[in-house]
Amino acid sequence: MAAVTSLLTLDYVARILDENVELLEAIVSNDDNLTYGAIVSVHTGLDESITALTDHGVEELTDMLSQARLTTKAWHQFLDDFIDDPELAARFKAHKPR
């Protein structure tokens, strides 16, 4: 595996993928949802950190979301499988997959 030389914050990933940052935060809140090492915590202070993704993590997330959005049924199943907060999942289910 190649060495990680850059990281992208979730805010930035949300902007480049035109995604809701809350959705991305919910997906990566469980580090088992992406390959080990794709999600990185960057400490910005004593008790402060932000979540970032490696380039591979962004690719994996992009592929995951593309597959999930093929049909409404697939999208709802994806949300049930990857979003732990039922209220948040319901909010995203209310929007049609792109």
C-alpha atoms as a PDB file:
ATOM      1  CA  MET A   1       0.000   0.000   0.000  1.00  0.00           C
ATOM      2  CA  ALA A   2       1.315   3.436  -0.897  1.00  0.00           C
ATOM      3  CA  ALA A   3       2.054   5.971   1.813  1.00  0.00           C
ATOM      4  CA  VAL A   4      -0.684   8.500   2.538  1.00  0.00           C
ATOM      5  CA  THR A   5       0.490  11.920   1.401  1.00  0.00           C
ATOM      6  CA  SER A   6      -2.725  13.924   1.583  1.00  0.00           C
ATOM      7  CA  LEU A   7      -5.989  14.020   3.487  1.00  0.00           C
ATOM      8  CA  LEU A   8      -9.312  15.643   2.649  1.00  0.00           C
ATOM      9  CA  THR A   9     -11.610  16.918   5.387  1.00  0.00           C
ATOM     10  CA  LEU A  10     -15.204  15.737   5.369  1.00  0.00           C
ATOM     11  CA  ASP A  11     -16.394  19.299   4.732  1.00  0.00           C
ATOM     12  CA  TYR A  12     -14.244  19.452   1.614  1.00  0.00           C
ATOM     13  CA  VAL A  13     -15.293  15.978   0.456  1.00  0.00           C
ATOM     14  CA  ALA A  14     -18.951  16.959   0.875  1.00  0.00           C
ATOM     15  CA  ARG A  15     -18.390  20.030  -1.309  1.00  0.00           C
ATOM     16  CA  ILE A  16     -16.539  18.204  -4.089  1.00  0.00           C
ATOM     17  CA  LEU A  17     -19.062  15.332  -4.126  1.00  0.00           C
ATOM     18  CA  ASP A  18     -22.041  17.683  -3.709  1.00  0.00           C
ATOM     19  CA  GLU A  19     -23.154  15.661  -0.681  1.00  0.00           C
ATOM     20  CA  ASN A  20     -24.611  16.575   2.666  1.00  0.00           C
ATOM     21  CA  VAL A  21     -21.813  16.672   5.242  1.00  0.00           C
ATOM     22  CA  GLU A  22     -24.175  15.157   7.857  1.00  0.00           C
ATOM     23  CA  LEU A  23     -24.612  12.118   5.627  1.00  0.00           C
ATOM     24  CA  LEU A  24     -20.864  11.679   5.260  1.00  0.00           C
ATOM     25  CA  GLU A  25     -20.317  12.172   8.994  1.00  0.00           C
ATOM     26  CA  ALA A  26     -22.927   9.506   9.736  1.00  0.00           C
ATOM     27  CA  ILE A  27     -21.305   7.049   7.310  1.00  0.00           C
ATOM     28  CA  VAL A  28     -17.755   7.505   8.604  1.00  0.00           C
ATOM     29  CA  SER A  29     -18.806   7.609  12.272  1.00  0.00           C
ATOM     30  CA  ASN A  30     -18.473   3.836  12.066  1.00  0.00           C
ATOM     31  CA  ASP A  31     -14.932   3.200  10.860  1.00  0.00           C
ATOM     32  CA  ASP A  32     -15.964  -0.284   9.709  1.00  0.00           C
ATOM     33  CA  ASN A  33     -17.893   1.309   6.826  1.00  0.00           C
ATOM     34  CA  LEU A  34     -14.696   2.028   4.880  1.00  0.00           C
ATOM     35  CA  THR A  35     -11.418   0.160   4.526  1.00  0.00           C
ATOM     36  CA  TYR A  36      -9.068   0.349   7.497  1.00  0.00           C
ATOM     37  CA  GLY A  37      -6.958   3.505   7.302  1.00  0.00           C
ATOM     38  CA  ALA A  38      -9.305   5.379   4.932  1.00  0.00           C
ATOM     39  CA  ILE A  39     -10.764   7.445   7.796  1.00  0.00           C
ATOM     40  CA  VAL A  40      -8.316   9.558   9.785  1.00  0.00           C
ATOM     41  CA  SER A  41      -8.784  11.752  12.856  1.00  0.00           C
ATOM     42  CA  VAL A  42      -6.756  14.951  12.687  1.00  0.00           C
ATOM     43  CA  HIS A  43      -6.218  16.502  16.100  1.00  0.00           C
ATOM     44  CA  THR A  44      -6.483  20.281  15.991  1.00  0.00           C
ATOM     45  CA  GLY A  45      -6.204  20.902  19.726  1.00  0.00           C
ATOM     46  CA  LEU A  46      -6.064  19.167  23.065  1.00  0.00           C
ATOM     47  CA  ASP A  47      -9.633  17.864  22.900  1.00  0.00           C
ATOM     48  CA  GLU A  48     -10.481  18.806  19.333  1.00  0.00           C
ATOM     49  CA  SER A  49     -10.272  16.827  16.124  1.00  0.00           C
ATOM     50  CA  ILE A  50     -11.725  16.700  12.638  1.00  0.00           C
ATOM     51  CA  THR A  51     -12.330  13.694  10.455  1.00  0.00           C
ATOM     52  CA  ALA A  52     -10.552  13.382   7.136  1.00  0.00           C
ATOM     53  CA  LEU A  53     -10.360  10.797   4.380  1.00  0.00           C
ATOM     54  CA  THR A  54      -7.476   9.505   2.347  1.00  0.00           C
ATOM     55  CA  ASP A  55      -7.734   9.640  -1.448  1.00  0.00           C
ATOM     56  CA  HIS A  56      -8.617   5.945  -1.371  1.00  0.00           C
ATOM     57  CA  GLY A  57     -11.315   6.659   1.220  1.00  0.00           C
ATOM     58  CA  VAL A  58     -12.871   9.307  -1.037  1.00  0.00           C
ATOM     59  CA  GLU A  59     -12.881   6.859  -3.969  1.00  0.00           C
ATOM     60  CA  GLU A  60     -14.425   4.137  -1.822  1.00  0.00           C
ATOM     61  CA  LEU A  61     -17.091   6.496  -0.471  1.00  0.00           C
ATOM     62  CA  THR A  62     -17.885   7.779  -3.970  1.00  0.00           C
ATOM     63  CA  ASP A  63     -18.318   4.222  -5.272  1.00  0.00           C
ATOM     64  CA  MET A  64     -20.438   3.277  -2.267  1.00  0.00           C
ATOM     65  CA  LEU A  65     -22.797   6.236  -2.744  1.00  0.00           C
ATOM     66  CA  SER A  66     -23.031   5.691  -6.511  1.00  0.00           C
ATOM     67  CA  GLN A  67     -24.089   2.073  -6.031  1.00  0.00           C
ATOM     68  CA  ALA A  68     -26.541   2.987  -3.279  1.00  0.00           C
ATOM     69  CA  ARG A  69     -28.279   5.549  -5.451  1.00  0.00           C
ATOM     70  CA  LEU A  70     -29.109   3.208  -8.331  1.00  0.00           C
ATOM     71  CA  THR A  71     -32.679   2.722  -7.103  1.00  0.00           C
ATOM     72  CA  THR A  72     -34.863   4.096  -4.327  1.00  0.00           C
ATOM     73  CA  LYS A  73     -34.981   0.635  -2.746  1.00  0.00           C
ATOM     74  CA  ALA A  74     -31.171   0.373  -2.777  1.00  0.00           C
ATOM     75  CA  TRP A  75     -30.888   3.887  -1.327  1.00  0.00           C
ATOM     76  CA  HIS A  76     -33.262   3.104   1.550  1.00  0.00           C
ATOM     77  CA  GLN A  77     -31.449  -0.155   2.277  1.00  0.00           C
ATOM     78  CA  PHE A  78     -28.108   1.665   2.235  1.00  0.00           C
ATOM     79  CA  LEU A  79     -29.407   4.226   4.738  1.00  0.00           C
ATOM     80  CA  ASP A  80     -30.751   1.466   6.995  1.00  0.00           C
ATOM     81  CA  ASP A  81     -27.405  -0.348   6.852  1.00  0.00           C
ATOM     82  CA  PHE A  82     -25.020   2.588   7.244  1.00  0.00           C
ATOM     83  CA  ILE A  83     -26.831   5.306   9.237  1.00  0.00           C
ATOM     84  CA  ASP A  84     -27.263   4.491  12.936  1.00  0.00           C
ATOM     85  CA  ASP A  85     -29.570   7.446  13.665  1.00  0.00           C
ATOM     86  CA  PRO A  86     -33.131   6.530  12.548  1.00  0.00           C
ATOM     87  CA  GLU A  87     -34.245  10.182  12.409  1.00  0.00           C
ATOM     88  CA  LEU A  88     -31.319  11.132  10.199  1.00  0.00           C
ATOM     89  CA  ALA A  89     -31.914   8.113   7.953  1.00  0.00           C
ATOM     90  CA  ALA A  90     -35.597   9.059   7.631  1.00  0.00           C
ATOM     91  CA  ARG A  91     -34.612  12.596   6.651  1.00  0.00           C
ATOM     92  CA  PHE A  92     -32.387  11.312   3.853  1.00  0.00           C
ATOM     93  CA  LYS A  93     -35.018   8.786   2.748  1.00  0.00           C
ATOM     94  CA  ALA A  94     -37.424  11.679   2.177  1.00  0.00           C
ATOM     95  CA  HIS A  95     -35.164  12.848  -0.677  1.00  0.00           C
ATOM     96  CA  LYS A  96     -35.044  10.861  -3.892  1.00  0.00           C
ATOM     97  CA  PRO A  97     -31.672   9.331  -4.738  1.00  0.00           C
ATOM     98  CA  ARG A  98     -29.784  11.307  -7.363  1.00  0.00           C
END
